[in-house]
Amino acid sequence: MKRISYFTKALVAISALTCAQFAFAQTHNLNVPLRVQEHSQWCWAGSSQMVLNYFNKTPSQCAEVNYAKGINYACGNSTFNWNSNANQPNSTNAITYILNGWGVNSSVVGVLSQSSSTSRINNNKPYILLWQWTGGGGHFVVVKGYTNSGATLYINDPWPGNGSYVRSYSSTNSASDRYWYNTAVVN
């Protein structure tokens, strides 16, 4: 009987340690759908669409482009010129304009600290960050979760073929080829 008792105590201790390790790791990954940008410069439209879809809003990317650019030809009109204003980069302010226009209250802020990033995800609020490339230009992605208490981020990237991946918070903030410029957050 004493053997079972020692075995039971050991099993309980191991279980408690395992649970403590999982609790310490803290992972939270929101169910933000991945959307691929439909044209070469539409990372801003694809990222906006992901966040809007998460909040059960269903605009097409071309409807977002028409809305943000104040045009009416981004949805396949025969006069659409791919070198036109419709297929150009856009700003973080344009993303918040789109989100607000579809009823998701948002604003532009700077770079989020690791704790602020974690807090937003814990409150079920994915965010869109703008990476500026060190060689010029930029790219929008959606941060939808974290693991390792926020040290690693889950990212949805609208660029065709990039998909969803994880990246450390520190390399998301700054790397040899990019840096985090600013953020569109849901309020």
C-alpha atoms as a PDB file:
ATOM      1  CA  MET A   1       0.000   0.000   0.000  1.00  0.00           C
ATOM      2  CA  LYS A   2       2.869   2.389   0.760  1.00  0.00           C
ATOM      3  CA  ARG A   3       4.297   1.839  -2.738  1.00  0.00           C
ATOM      4  CA  ILE A   4       1.059   3.017  -4.340  1.00  0.00           C
ATOM      5  CA  SER A   5       1.014   5.972  -2.038  1.00  0.00           C
ATOM      6  CA  TYR A   6       4.562   7.036  -3.028  1.00  0.00           C
ATOM      7  CA  PHE A   7       3.775   6.431  -6.693  1.00  0.00           C
ATOM      8  CA  THR A   8       0.588   8.508  -6.451  1.00  0.00           C
ATOM      9  CA  LYS A   9       2.437  11.360  -4.748  1.00  0.00           C
ATOM     10  CA  ALA A  10       5.128  11.320  -7.428  1.00  0.00           C
ATOM     11  CA  LEU A  11       2.508  11.312 -10.177  1.00  0.00           C
ATOM     12  CA  VAL A  12       0.680  14.252  -8.621  1.00  0.00           C
ATOM     13  CA  ALA A  13       3.946  16.208  -8.267  1.00  0.00           C
ATOM     14  CA  ILE A  14       4.896  15.586 -11.901  1.00  0.00           C
ATOM     15  CA  SER A  15       1.417  16.613 -13.070  1.00  0.00           C
ATOM     16  CA  ALA A  16       1.585  19.826 -11.057  1.00  0.00           C
ATOM     17  CA  LEU A  17       4.986  20.715 -12.530  1.00  0.00           C
ATOM     18  CA  THR A  18       3.756  20.011 -16.056  1.00  0.00           C
ATOM     19  CA  CYS A  19       0.676  22.198 -15.559  1.00  0.00           C
ATOM     20  CA  ALA A  20       2.830  24.976 -14.134  1.00  0.00           C
ATOM     21  CA  GLN A  21       5.084  24.860 -17.200  1.00  0.00           C
ATOM     22  CA  PHE A  22       2.093  25.188 -19.545  1.00  0.00           C
ATOM     23  CA  ALA A  23       0.630  28.025 -17.510  1.00  0.00           C
ATOM     24  CA  PHE A  24       3.950  29.845 -17.551  1.00  0.00           C
ATOM     25  CA  ALA A  25       4.309  29.519 -21.330  1.00  0.00           C
ATOM     26  CA  GLN A  26       1.038  31.403 -21.908  1.00  0.00           C
ATOM     27  CA  THR A  27      -0.208  30.971 -25.440  1.00  0.00           C
ATOM     28  CA  HIS A  28      -3.142  32.792 -27.002  1.00  0.00           C
ATOM     29  CA  ASN A  29      -3.855  32.482 -30.728  1.00  0.00           C
ATOM     30  CA  LEU A  30      -6.936  34.246 -32.127  1.00  0.00           C
ATOM     31  CA  ASN A  31      -8.907  32.662 -34.960  1.00  0.00           C
ATOM     32  CA  VAL A  32      -8.069  35.355 -37.520  1.00  0.00           C
ATOM     33  CA  PRO A  33      -8.575  33.942 -41.028  1.00  0.00           C
ATOM     34  CA  LEU A  34      -5.641  34.155 -43.429  1.00  0.00           C
ATOM     35  CA  ARG A  35      -6.361  36.176 -46.568  1.00  0.00           C
ATOM     36  CA  VAL A  36      -3.940  36.556 -49.465  1.00  0.00           C
ATOM     37  CA  GLN A  37      -3.562  39.995 -51.005  1.00  0.00           C
ATOM     38  CA  GLU A  38      -5.172  39.966 -54.427  1.00  0.00           C
ATOM     39  CA  HIS A  39      -2.722  42.352 -56.126  1.00  0.00           C
ATOM     40  CA  SER A  40       0.934  43.238 -55.699  1.00  0.00           C
ATOM     41  CA  GLN A  41       0.444  46.341 -53.541  1.00  0.00           C
ATOM     42  CA  TRP A  42      -2.653  45.261 -51.615  1.00  0.00           C
ATOM     43  CA  CYS A  43      -1.076  43.991 -48.377  1.00  0.00           C
ATOM     44  CA  TRP A  44      -2.991  46.785 -46.655  1.00  0.00           C
ATOM     45  CA  ALA A  45      -6.294  45.565 -48.148  1.00  0.00           C
ATOM     46  CA  GLY A  46      -5.544  41.910 -47.355  1.00  0.00           C
ATOM     47  CA  SER A  47      -4.559  42.742 -43.771  1.00  0.00           C
ATOM     48  CA  SER A  48      -7.652  44.906 -43.296  1.00  0.00           C
ATOM     49  CA  GLN A  49      -9.815  42.112 -44.672  1.00  0.00           C
ATOM     50  CA  MET A  50      -8.375  39.616 -42.165  1.00  0.00           C
ATOM     51  CA  VAL A  51      -9.205  41.830 -39.187  1.00  0.00           C
ATOM     52  CA  LEU A  52     -12.642  42.712 -40.560  1.00  0.00           C
ATOM     53  CA  ASN A  53     -13.404  39.029 -41.183  1.00  0.00           C
ATOM     54  CA  TYR A  54     -12.377  38.242 -37.590  1.00  0.00           C
ATOM     55  CA  PHE A  55     -15.087  40.687 -36.483  1.00  0.00           C
ATOM     56  CA  ASN A  56     -17.620  39.085 -38.893  1.00  0.00           C
ATOM     57  CA  LYS A  57     -17.439  41.855 -41.525  1.00  0.00           C
ATOM     58  CA  THR A  58     -17.124  40.565 -45.087  1.00  0.00           C
ATOM     59  CA  PRO A  59     -15.970  43.214 -47.565  1.00  0.00           C
ATOM     60  CA  SER A  60     -14.011  42.225 -50.650  1.00  0.00           C
ATOM     61  CA  GLN A  61     -10.506  43.627 -50.972  1.00  0.00           C
ATOM     62  CA  CYS A  62     -11.512  45.612 -54.041  1.00  0.00           C
ATOM     63  CA  ALA A  63     -14.411  47.177 -52.098  1.00  0.00           C
ATOM     64  CA  GLU A  64     -11.892  48.236 -49.442  1.00  0.00           C
ATOM     65  CA  VAL A  65      -9.641  49.704 -52.140  1.00  0.00           C
ATOM     66  CA  ASN A  66     -12.524  51.622 -53.716  1.00  0.00           C
ATOM     67  CA  TYR A  67     -13.518  52.949 -50.286  1.00  0.00           C
ATOM     68  CA  ALA A  68     -10.004  53.933 -49.175  1.00  0.00           C
ATOM     69  CA  LYS A  69      -8.972  55.460 -52.503  1.00  0.00           C
ATOM     70  CA  GLY A  70     -12.305  57.122 -53.311  1.00  0.00           C
ATOM     71  CA  ILE A  71     -12.528  55.317 -56.648  1.00  0.00           C
ATOM     72  CA  ASN A  72     -15.065  52.980 -58.239  1.00  0.00           C
ATOM     73  CA  TYR A  73     -13.016  50.796 -60.589  1.00  0.00           C
ATOM     74  CA  ALA A  74     -10.945  48.451 -58.402  1.00  0.00           C
ATOM     75  CA  CYS A  75     -13.452  45.588 -58.697  1.00  0.00           C
ATOM     76  CA  GLY A  76     -12.622  44.448 -62.217  1.00  0.00           C
ATOM     77  CA  ASN A  77     -14.100  47.239 -64.299  1.00  0.00           C
ATOM     78  CA  SER A  78     -12.813  46.879 -67.884  1.00  0.00           C
ATOM     79  CA  THR A  79     -11.146  50.305 -67.656  1.00  0.00           C
ATOM     80  CA  PHE A  80      -9.068  49.278 -64.625  1.00  0.00           C
ATOM     81  CA  ASN A  81      -5.418  50.141 -65.152  1.00  0.00           C
ATOM     82  CA  TRP A  82      -3.092  48.139 -62.882  1.00  0.00           C
ATOM     83  CA  ASN A  83      -0.629  51.035 -62.795  1.00  0.00           C
ATOM     84  CA  SER A  84      -3.373  53.313 -61.517  1.00  0.00           C
ATOM     85  CA  ASN A  85      -4.067  54.598 -58.049  1.00  0.00           C
ATOM     86  CA  ALA A  86      -5.905  51.343 -57.259  1.00  0.00           C
ATOM     87  CA  ASN A  87      -2.717  49.251 -57.115  1.00  0.00           C
ATOM     88  CA  GLN A  88      -0.551  51.485 -54.962  1.00  0.00           C
ATOM     89  CA  PRO A  89       0.770  51.157 -51.408  1.00  0.00           C
ATOM     90  CA  ASN A  90      -1.259  52.769 -48.664  1.00  0.00           C
ATOM     91  CA  SER A  91      -0.838  54.048 -45.112  1.00  0.00           C
ATOM     92  CA  THR A  92      -1.763  52.835 -41.660  1.00  0.00           C
ATOM     93  CA  ASN A  93      -4.239  55.730 -41.523  1.00  0.00           C
ATOM     94  CA  ALA A  94      -5.973  54.253 -44.583  1.00  0.00           C
ATOM     95  CA  ILE A  95      -6.272  50.922 -42.766  1.00  0.00           C
ATOM     96  CA  THR A  96      -7.982  52.557 -39.788  1.00  0.00           C
ATOM     97  CA  TYR A  97     -10.226  54.448 -42.235  1.00  0.00           C
ATOM     98  CA  ILE A  98     -11.284  51.085 -43.702  1.00  0.00           C
ATOM     99  CA  LEU A  99     -11.759  49.396 -40.320  1.00  0.00           C
ATOM    100  CA  ASN A 100     -13.751  52.334 -38.950  1.00  0.00           C
ATOM    101  CA  GLY A 101     -15.812  52.476 -42.156  1.00  0.00           C
ATOM    102  CA  TRP A 102     -16.909  48.870 -41.614  1.00  0.00           C
ATOM    103  CA  GLY A 103     -17.723  49.478 -37.950  1.00  0.00           C
ATOM    104  CA  VAL A 104     -14.528  48.283 -36.246  1.00  0.00           C
ATOM    105  CA  ASN A 105     -13.300  51.195 -34.117  1.00  0.00           C
ATOM    106  CA  SER A 106      -9.556  51.579 -34.597  1.00  0.00           C
ATOM    107  CA  SER A 107      -6.680  54.030 -34.433  1.00  0.00           C
ATOM    108  CA  VAL A 108      -2.997  54.359 -35.295  1.00  0.00           C
ATOM    109  CA  VAL A 109      -0.370  54.043 -32.573  1.00  0.00           C
ATOM    110  CA  GLY A 110       3.384  53.543 -32.592  1.00  0.00           C
ATOM    111  CA  VAL A 111       5.234  50.309 -31.888  1.00  0.00           C
ATOM    112  CA  LEU A 112       3.564  48.144 -29.239  1.00  0.00           C
ATOM    113  CA  SER A 113       5.603  46.944 -26.290  1.00  0.00           C
ATOM    114  CA  GLN A 114       5.621  43.201 -25.714  1.00  0.00           C
ATOM    115  CA  SER A 115       3.231  43.598 -22.759  1.00  0.00           C
ATOM    116  CA  SER A 116       0.876  45.850 -24.760  1.00  0.00           C
ATOM    117  CA  SER A 117       0.900  43.341 -27.621  1.00  0.00           C
ATOM    118  CA  THR A 118       0.038  40.515 -25.230  1.00  0.00           C
ATOM    119  CA  SER A 119      -2.697  42.573 -23.565  1.00  0.00           C
ATOM    120  CA  ARG A 120      -4.373  43.356 -26.906  1.00  0.00           C
ATOM    121  CA  ILE A 121      -4.399  39.695 -27.914  1.00  0.00           C
ATOM    122  CA  ASN A 122      -5.728  38.703 -24.463  1.00  0.00           C
ATOM    123  CA  ASN A 123      -8.582  41.168 -25.091  1.00  0.00           C
ATOM    124  CA  ASN A 124      -9.338  39.465 -28.446  1.00  0.00           C
ATOM    125  CA  LYS A 125      -8.008  42.362 -30.505  1.00  0.00           C
ATOM    126  CA  PRO A 126      -5.667  41.397 -33.350  1.00  0.00           C
ATOM    127  CA  TYR A 127      -3.630  44.259 -34.765  1.00  0.00           C
ATOM    128  CA  ILE A 128      -1.993  45.244 -38.043  1.00  0.00           C
ATOM    129  CA  LEU A 129       1.619  46.319 -38.018  1.00  0.00           C
ATOM    130  CA  LEU A 130       3.602  48.089 -40.707  1.00  0.00           C
ATOM    131  CA  TRP A 131       7.119  46.891 -41.348  1.00  0.00           C
ATOM    132  CA  GLN A 132       9.341  49.405 -43.117  1.00  0.00           C
ATOM    133  CA  TRP A 133      12.045  47.719 -45.192  1.00  0.00           C
ATOM    134  CA  THR A 134      15.515  49.110 -44.599  1.00  0.00           C
ATOM    135  CA  GLY A 135      15.910  49.348 -48.393  1.00  0.00           C
ATOM    136  CA  GLY A 136      12.647  51.297 -48.797  1.00  0.00           C
ATOM    137  CA  GLY A 137       8.983  50.410 -48.959  1.00  0.00           C
ATOM    138  CA  GLY A 138       6.933  48.532 -46.421  1.00  0.00           C
ATOM    139  CA  HIS A 139       4.576  45.653 -45.739  1.00  0.00           C
ATOM    140  CA  PHE A 140       1.504  45.158 -43.535  1.00  0.00           C
ATOM    141  CA  VAL A 141       0.894  41.943 -41.567  1.00  0.00           C
ATOM    142  CA  VAL A 142      -1.627  40.902 -38.911  1.00  0.00           C
ATOM    143  CA  VAL A 143      -0.522  39.824 -35.443  1.00  0.00           C
ATOM    144  CA  LYS A 144      -3.100  37.346 -34.183  1.00  0.00           C
ATOM    145  CA  GLY A 145      -1.493  35.711 -31.181  1.00  0.00           C
ATOM    146  CA  TYR A 146       1.505  34.947 -29.058  1.00  0.00           C
ATOM    147  CA  THR A 147       3.264  32.178 -27.188  1.00  0.00           C
ATOM    148  CA  ASN A 148       6.089  32.126 -24.638  1.00  0.00           C
ATOM    149  CA  SER A 149       4.338  34.918 -22.713  1.00  0.00           C
ATOM    150  CA  GLY A 150       4.544  37.202 -25.740  1.00  0.00           C
ATOM    151  CA  ALA A 151       8.161  36.554 -26.701  1.00  0.00           C
ATOM    152  CA  THR A 152       6.941  34.866 -29.902  1.00  0.00           C
ATOM    153  CA  LEU A 153       4.161  36.251 -32.123  1.00  0.00           C
ATOM    154  CA  TYR A 154       1.731  34.455 -34.448  1.00  0.00           C
ATOM    155  CA  ILE A 155       1.545  36.400 -37.716  1.00  0.00           C
ATOM    156  CA  ASN A 156      -0.761  36.222 -40.748  1.00  0.00           C
ATOM    157  CA  ASP A 157       1.086  37.564 -43.783  1.00  0.00           C
ATOM    158  CA  PRO A 158      -1.054  38.441 -46.839  1.00  0.00           C
ATOM    159  CA  TRP A 159       1.818  38.079 -49.336  1.00  0.00           C
ATOM    160  CA  PRO A 160       1.111  35.049 -51.601  1.00  0.00           C
ATOM    161  CA  GLY A 161       2.931  31.994 -50.271  1.00  0.00           C
ATOM    162  CA  ASN A 162       3.957  33.496 -46.920  1.00  0.00           C
ATOM    163  CA  GLY A 163       0.900  32.329 -44.975  1.00  0.00           C
ATOM    164  CA  SER A 164       0.900  32.110 -41.189  1.00  0.00           C
ATOM    165  CA  TYR A 165       4.118  31.852 -39.203  1.00  0.00           C
ATOM    166  CA  VAL A 166       5.734  32.621 -35.874  1.00  0.00           C
ATOM    167  CA  ARG A 167       8.402  35.235 -35.291  1.00  0.00           C
ATOM    168  CA  SER A 168      10.080  36.441 -32.131  1.00  0.00           C
ATOM    169  CA  TYR A 169       8.835  39.727 -30.724  1.00  0.00           C
ATOM    170  CA  SER A 170      12.373  41.146 -30.895  1.00  0.00           C
ATOM    171  CA  SER A 171      12.862  40.277 -34.598  1.00  0.00           C
ATOM    172  CA  THR A 172       9.353  41.554 -35.351  1.00  0.00           C
ATOM    173  CA  ASN A 173      10.341  44.840 -33.744  1.00  0.00           C
ATOM    174  CA  SER A 174      13.679  45.150 -35.518  1.00  0.00           C
ATOM    175  CA  ALA A 175      15.733  42.993 -37.880  1.00  0.00           C
ATOM    176  CA  SER A 176      18.490  43.580 -40.421  1.00  0.00           C
ATOM    177  CA  ASP A 177      15.981  44.017 -43.278  1.00  0.00           C
ATOM    178  CA  ARG A 178      13.003  45.671 -41.519  1.00  0.00           C
ATOM    179  CA  TYR A 179      11.692  47.525 -38.514  1.00  0.00           C
ATOM    180  CA  TRP A 180       8.249  47.939 -36.970  1.00  0.00           C
ATOM    181  CA  TYR A 181       7.091  51.434 -37.920  1.00  0.00           C
ATOM    182  CA  ASN A 182       3.561  51.767 -36.513  1.00  0.00           C
ATOM    183  CA  THR A 183       0.366  49.869 -35.781  1.00  0.00           C
ATOM    184  CA  ALA A 184      -3.361  49.907 -36.546  1.00  0.00           C
ATOM    185  CA  VAL A 185      -5.087  48.784 -33.352  1.00  0.00           C
ATOM    186  CA  VAL A 186      -8.692  47.915 -32.589  1.00  0.00           C
ATOM    187  CA  ASN A 187      -9.995  50.098 -29.762  1.00  0.00           C
END
